[in-house]
């Protein structure tokens, strides 16, 4: 996933113009906004690294205790300015850095892939037991899937980062899912966003059926794991 943040001021000024309805920013206004935006993105990048490190440490501990890896992959991404401001506009929010920090929860995102269903909730529990992690929002799309069949556990957590000016709490979104859930989500995304095709109702039903089969696979594999390993 891309973690690059654009640093081209001219390009960013054009983005601001487009976002603010074609109004040209006052001289110096765009640069000040741009500088403050880059600082905020530094916060998010640091917070993302903090959470990634926590996940890696837990993975090493679990590997030692249970002689297997409960995490098969960790992927991160940082939204770019255009995506952030477009989402704010869709939410009918005034474009400001304050609204960005307060209302946009997925600027820093981490996706964690686990082999088995129980691993998802074990990882959640281990993370949230840490006293410097604060749960902001939780949506369990595993127990209550979306209408299209999508399943994943979504957590928004606030984590402290330590800067020269002191401590700051920054939000990071976590999506924790099994290999089967991730495979379905990745393939569904590729099919849904093919620009030259429009999904029919039959295709939508088939995709949902595939999600149900994926859920059945997770359930059967979890039972096998418990029968064989027993942890």
Protein backbone atom coordinates (compact mmCIF):
# COMPACT_ATOMS: atom_id res chain seq x y z
CA UNK A 1 0.00 0.00 0.00
CA UNK A 2 1.17 3.48 -0.80
CA UNK A 3 2.47 5.53 2.14
CA UNK A 4 3.81 8.45 0.07
CA UNK A 5 2.52 11.96 0.79
CA UNK A 6 2.76 14.52 -2.02
CA UNK A 7 5.13 17.42 -1.31
CA UNK A 8 4.55 19.42 -4.51
CA UNK A 9 3.16 22.81 -3.42
CA UNK A 10 1.88 23.87 -6.87
CA UNK A 11 -0.01 20.61 -7.27
CA UNK A 12 -1.42 20.94 -3.77
CA UNK A 13 -2.55 24.54 -4.43
CA UNK A 14 -4.52 23.27 -7.43
CA UNK A 15 -6.11 20.61 -5.24
CA UNK A 16 -7.12 23.28 -2.72
CA UNK A 17 -8.61 25.38 -5.53
CA UNK A 18 -10.68 22.45 -6.74
CA UNK A 19 -11.80 21.53 -3.25
CA UNK A 20 -12.80 25.08 -2.37
CA UNK A 21 -14.93 25.40 -5.48
CA UNK A 22 -12.36 27.07 -7.72
CA UNK A 23 -11.47 29.89 -5.30
CA UNK A 24 -7.81 30.78 -5.45
CA UNK A 25 -6.25 30.84 -1.96
CA UNK A 26 -4.84 34.14 -0.69
CA UNK A 27 -1.05 34.60 -1.10
CA UNK A 28 0.67 32.50 1.54
CA UNK A 29 -2.56 30.83 2.60
CA UNK A 30 -1.97 27.73 0.52
CA UNK A 31 1.61 27.38 1.77
CA UNK A 32 0.54 27.68 5.42
CA UNK A 33 -2.26 25.16 4.89
CA UNK A 34 0.12 22.84 3.03
CA UNK A 35 2.76 23.04 5.77
CA UNK A 36 0.21 22.29 8.48
CA UNK A 37 -1.22 19.46 6.43
CA UNK A 38 2.23 17.88 6.03
CA UNK A 39 2.75 18.13 9.78
CA UNK A 40 -0.56 16.36 10.42
CA UNK A 41 0.39 13.61 7.97
CA UNK A 42 3.66 13.17 9.85
CA UNK A 43 1.58 12.54 12.99
CA UNK A 44 -0.48 9.91 11.20
CA UNK A 45 2.59 8.24 9.74
CA UNK A 46 4.22 8.03 13.18
CA UNK A 47 1.03 6.67 14.76
CA UNK A 48 0.77 4.05 12.05
CA UNK A 49 4.33 2.93 12.76
CA UNK A 50 3.57 2.72 16.48
CA UNK A 51 0.62 0.41 15.90
CA UNK A 52 2.52 -1.68 13.36
CA UNK A 53 5.31 -2.18 15.90
CA UNK A 54 2.79 -3.31 18.51
CA UNK A 55 1.33 -5.84 16.07
CA UNK A 56 4.79 -7.16 15.17
CA UNK A 57 5.71 -7.57 18.85
CA UNK A 58 2.47 -9.46 19.53
CA UNK A 59 3.09 -11.68 16.53
CA UNK A 60 6.54 -12.60 17.83
CA UNK A 61 5.18 -13.29 21.31
CA UNK A 62 2.32 -15.47 20.02
CA UNK A 63 4.73 -17.33 17.71
CA UNK A 64 6.92 -18.18 20.68
CA UNK A 65 4.03 -19.17 22.97
CA UNK A 66 1.97 -21.17 20.48
CA UNK A 67 4.63 -22.23 17.96
CA UNK A 68 2.74 -20.70 15.04
CA UNK A 69 2.18 -17.30 13.47
CA UNK A 70 -1.27 -15.81 14.16
CA UNK A 71 -0.60 -13.05 11.62
CA UNK A 72 0.13 -13.84 7.99
CA UNK A 73 0.39 -10.27 6.70
CA UNK A 74 0.32 -6.60 7.71
CA UNK A 75 -0.29 -3.83 5.18
CA UNK A 76 -0.47 -0.09 5.74
CA UNK A 77 -1.51 2.94 3.77
CA UNK A 78 -1.82 6.68 4.27
CA UNK A 79 -4.59 8.54 2.43
CA UNK A 80 -3.47 11.39 0.19
CA UNK A 81 -4.79 14.93 0.46
CA UNK A 82 -7.20 14.65 -2.45
CA UNK A 83 -8.86 11.51 -1.04
CA UNK A 84 -9.14 13.04 2.43
CA UNK A 85 -10.75 16.26 1.25
CA UNK A 86 -13.08 14.48 -1.17
CA UNK A 87 -14.31 12.33 1.72
CA UNK A 88 -14.86 15.46 3.84
CA UNK A 89 -16.89 16.97 1.03
CA UNK A 90 -19.00 13.80 0.74
CA UNK A 91 -19.67 14.07 4.47
CA UNK A 92 -20.68 17.74 4.01
CA UNK A 93 -17.87 18.87 6.30
CA UNK A 94 -16.17 22.24 6.06
CA UNK A 95 -12.65 21.72 4.74
CA UNK A 96 -10.33 22.28 7.69
CA UNK A 97 -7.50 20.45 9.41
CA UNK A 98 -9.55 20.36 12.60
CA UNK A 99 -12.44 18.58 10.87
CA UNK A 100 -9.98 16.26 9.18
CA UNK A 101 -8.57 15.13 12.53
CA UNK A 102 -11.95 14.98 14.26
CA UNK A 103 -14.14 13.28 11.68
CA UNK A 104 -11.97 11.30 9.23
CA UNK A 105 -10.95 8.09 10.96
CA UNK A 106 -9.21 6.19 8.17
CA UNK A 107 -6.38 8.54 7.20
CA UNK A 108 -3.87 6.08 8.62
CA UNK A 109 -4.98 2.53 7.88
CA UNK A 110 -3.57 -0.87 8.73
CA UNK A 111 -4.90 -4.16 7.40
CA UNK A 112 -3.96 -7.29 9.34
CA UNK A 113 -4.48 -10.75 7.83
CA UNK A 114 -4.84 -13.70 10.21
CA UNK A 115 -4.94 -17.41 9.34
CA UNK A 116 -7.88 -18.33 11.59
CA UNK A 117 -11.03 -16.68 12.88
CA UNK A 118 -10.06 -16.86 16.56
CA UNK A 119 -6.77 -15.11 15.73
CA UNK A 120 -8.74 -12.00 14.74
CA UNK A 121 -10.35 -11.64 18.16
CA UNK A 122 -7.22 -12.75 20.05
CA UNK A 123 -5.27 -9.97 18.35
CA UNK A 124 -8.01 -7.44 19.08
CA UNK A 125 -8.06 -8.40 22.75
CA UNK A 126 -4.26 -8.25 23.08
CA UNK A 127 -4.09 -4.81 21.45
CA UNK A 128 -6.91 -3.25 23.44
CA UNK A 129 -5.48 -4.54 26.73
CA UNK A 130 -2.47 -2.25 26.24
CA UNK A 131 -2.92 0.83 28.41
CA UNK A 132 -1.72 3.29 25.77
CA UNK A 133 -4.30 2.16 23.20
CA UNK A 134 -7.74 3.81 23.34
CA UNK A 135 -10.66 2.33 21.42
CA UNK A 136 -12.53 5.08 19.55
CA UNK A 137 -14.86 3.04 17.37
CA UNK A 138 -15.58 -0.65 16.69
CA UNK A 139 -17.56 -2.29 13.89
CA UNK A 140 -17.72 -6.06 13.71
CA UNK A 141 -18.58 -6.94 10.12
CA UNK A 142 -17.71 -10.57 10.85
CA UNK A 143 -20.62 -11.21 13.17
CA UNK A 144 -22.79 -8.75 11.23
CA UNK A 145 -21.56 -8.72 7.60
CA UNK A 146 -22.37 -5.88 5.22
CA UNK A 147 -25.26 -6.42 2.80
CA UNK A 148 -22.86 -7.43 0.00
CA UNK A 149 -21.25 -10.12 2.18
CA UNK A 150 -18.14 -8.15 3.21
CA UNK A 151 -16.64 -9.34 6.51
CA UNK A 152 -13.88 -7.81 8.61
CA UNK A 153 -13.34 -6.43 12.08
CA UNK A 154 -12.85 -2.64 11.99
CA UNK A 155 -11.27 -0.82 14.91
CA UNK A 156 -10.41 2.85 15.22
CA UNK A 157 -7.86 3.36 17.96
CA UNK A 158 -6.07 6.42 19.32
CA UNK A 159 -2.38 5.95 20.04
CA UNK A 160 0.04 8.45 21.60
CA UNK A 161 3.03 9.70 19.67
CA UNK A 162 5.79 11.66 21.37
CA UNK A 163 7.17 14.75 19.65
CA UNK A 164 9.47 17.58 20.68
CA UNK A 165 6.41 19.57 21.77
CA UNK A 166 4.95 16.75 23.85
CA UNK A 167 2.47 13.88 23.51
CA UNK A 168 -0.30 13.76 20.92
CA UNK A 169 -3.10 11.21 20.43
CA UNK A 170 -3.63 10.19 16.82
CA UNK A 171 -6.30 7.92 15.30
CA UNK A 172 -5.46 4.81 13.27
CA UNK A 173 -7.97 2.50 11.60
CA UNK A 174 -7.37 -1.25 11.83
CA UNK A 175 -9.03 -3.82 9.62
CA UNK A 176 -8.43 -7.32 10.96
CA UNK A 177 -9.61 -10.26 8.87
CA UNK A 178 -8.84 -13.83 7.90
CA UNK A 179 -7.08 -14.96 4.73
CA UNK A 180 -10.44 -16.08 3.30
CA UNK A 181 -12.09 -12.72 4.07
CA UNK A 182 -9.21 -10.83 2.51
CA UNK A 183 -9.21 -12.98 -0.64
CA UNK A 184 -12.94 -12.37 -1.15
CA UNK A 185 -12.62 -8.62 -0.47
CA UNK A 186 -9.70 -8.25 -2.89
CA UNK A 187 -11.40 -10.16 -5.71
CA UNK A 188 -14.76 -8.46 -5.13
CA UNK A 189 -13.05 -5.05 -5.33
CA UNK A 190 -11.41 -5.94 -8.64
CA UNK A 191 -14.75 -7.03 -10.12
CA UNK A 192 -16.83 -4.19 -8.71
CA UNK A 193 -14.54 -1.44 -9.94
CA UNK A 194 -14.03 -2.63 -13.49
CA UNK A 195 -15.09 0.58 -15.25
CA UNK A 196 -16.32 -1.13 -18.41
CA UNK A 197 -18.72 -3.42 -16.54
CA UNK A 198 -21.85 -2.88 -14.47
CA UNK A 199 -22.66 -5.66 -12.01
CA UNK A 200 -26.07 -7.26 -12.50
CA UNK A 201 -28.34 -8.41 -9.68
CA UNK A 202 -27.37 -12.02 -10.46
CA UNK A 203 -23.69 -11.10 -10.17
CA UNK A 204 -24.33 -9.34 -6.85
CA UNK A 205 -26.10 -12.44 -5.54
CA UNK A 206 -23.25 -14.67 -6.70
CA UNK A 207 -20.68 -12.45 -5.00
CA UNK A 208 -22.65 -12.62 -1.76
CA UNK A 209 -22.89 -16.40 -2.11
CA UNK A 210 -19.10 -16.53 -2.50
CA UNK A 211 -18.79 -14.50 0.72
CA UNK A 212 -21.02 -17.04 2.48
CA UNK A 213 -18.85 -19.90 1.22
CA UNK A 214 -15.81 -18.01 2.45
CA UNK A 215 -17.42 -17.71 5.89
CA UNK A 216 -18.16 -21.44 5.88
CA UNK A 217 -14.51 -22.14 5.03
CA UNK A 218 -13.38 -20.00 7.97
CA UNK A 219 -15.73 -21.83 10.31
CA UNK A 220 -14.62 -25.30 9.16
CA UNK A 221 -10.92 -24.40 9.29
CA UNK A 222 -11.36 -23.00 12.81
CA UNK A 223 -12.95 -26.28 13.94
CA UNK A 224 -10.10 -28.26 12.37
CA UNK A 225 -7.54 -26.02 14.08
CA UNK A 226 -9.15 -26.57 17.47
CA UNK A 227 -9.33 -30.34 16.92
CA UNK A 228 -5.69 -30.61 15.80
CA UNK A 229 -3.92 -27.93 17.82
CA UNK A 230 -6.35 -27.36 20.65
CA UNK A 231 -5.13 -23.89 21.71
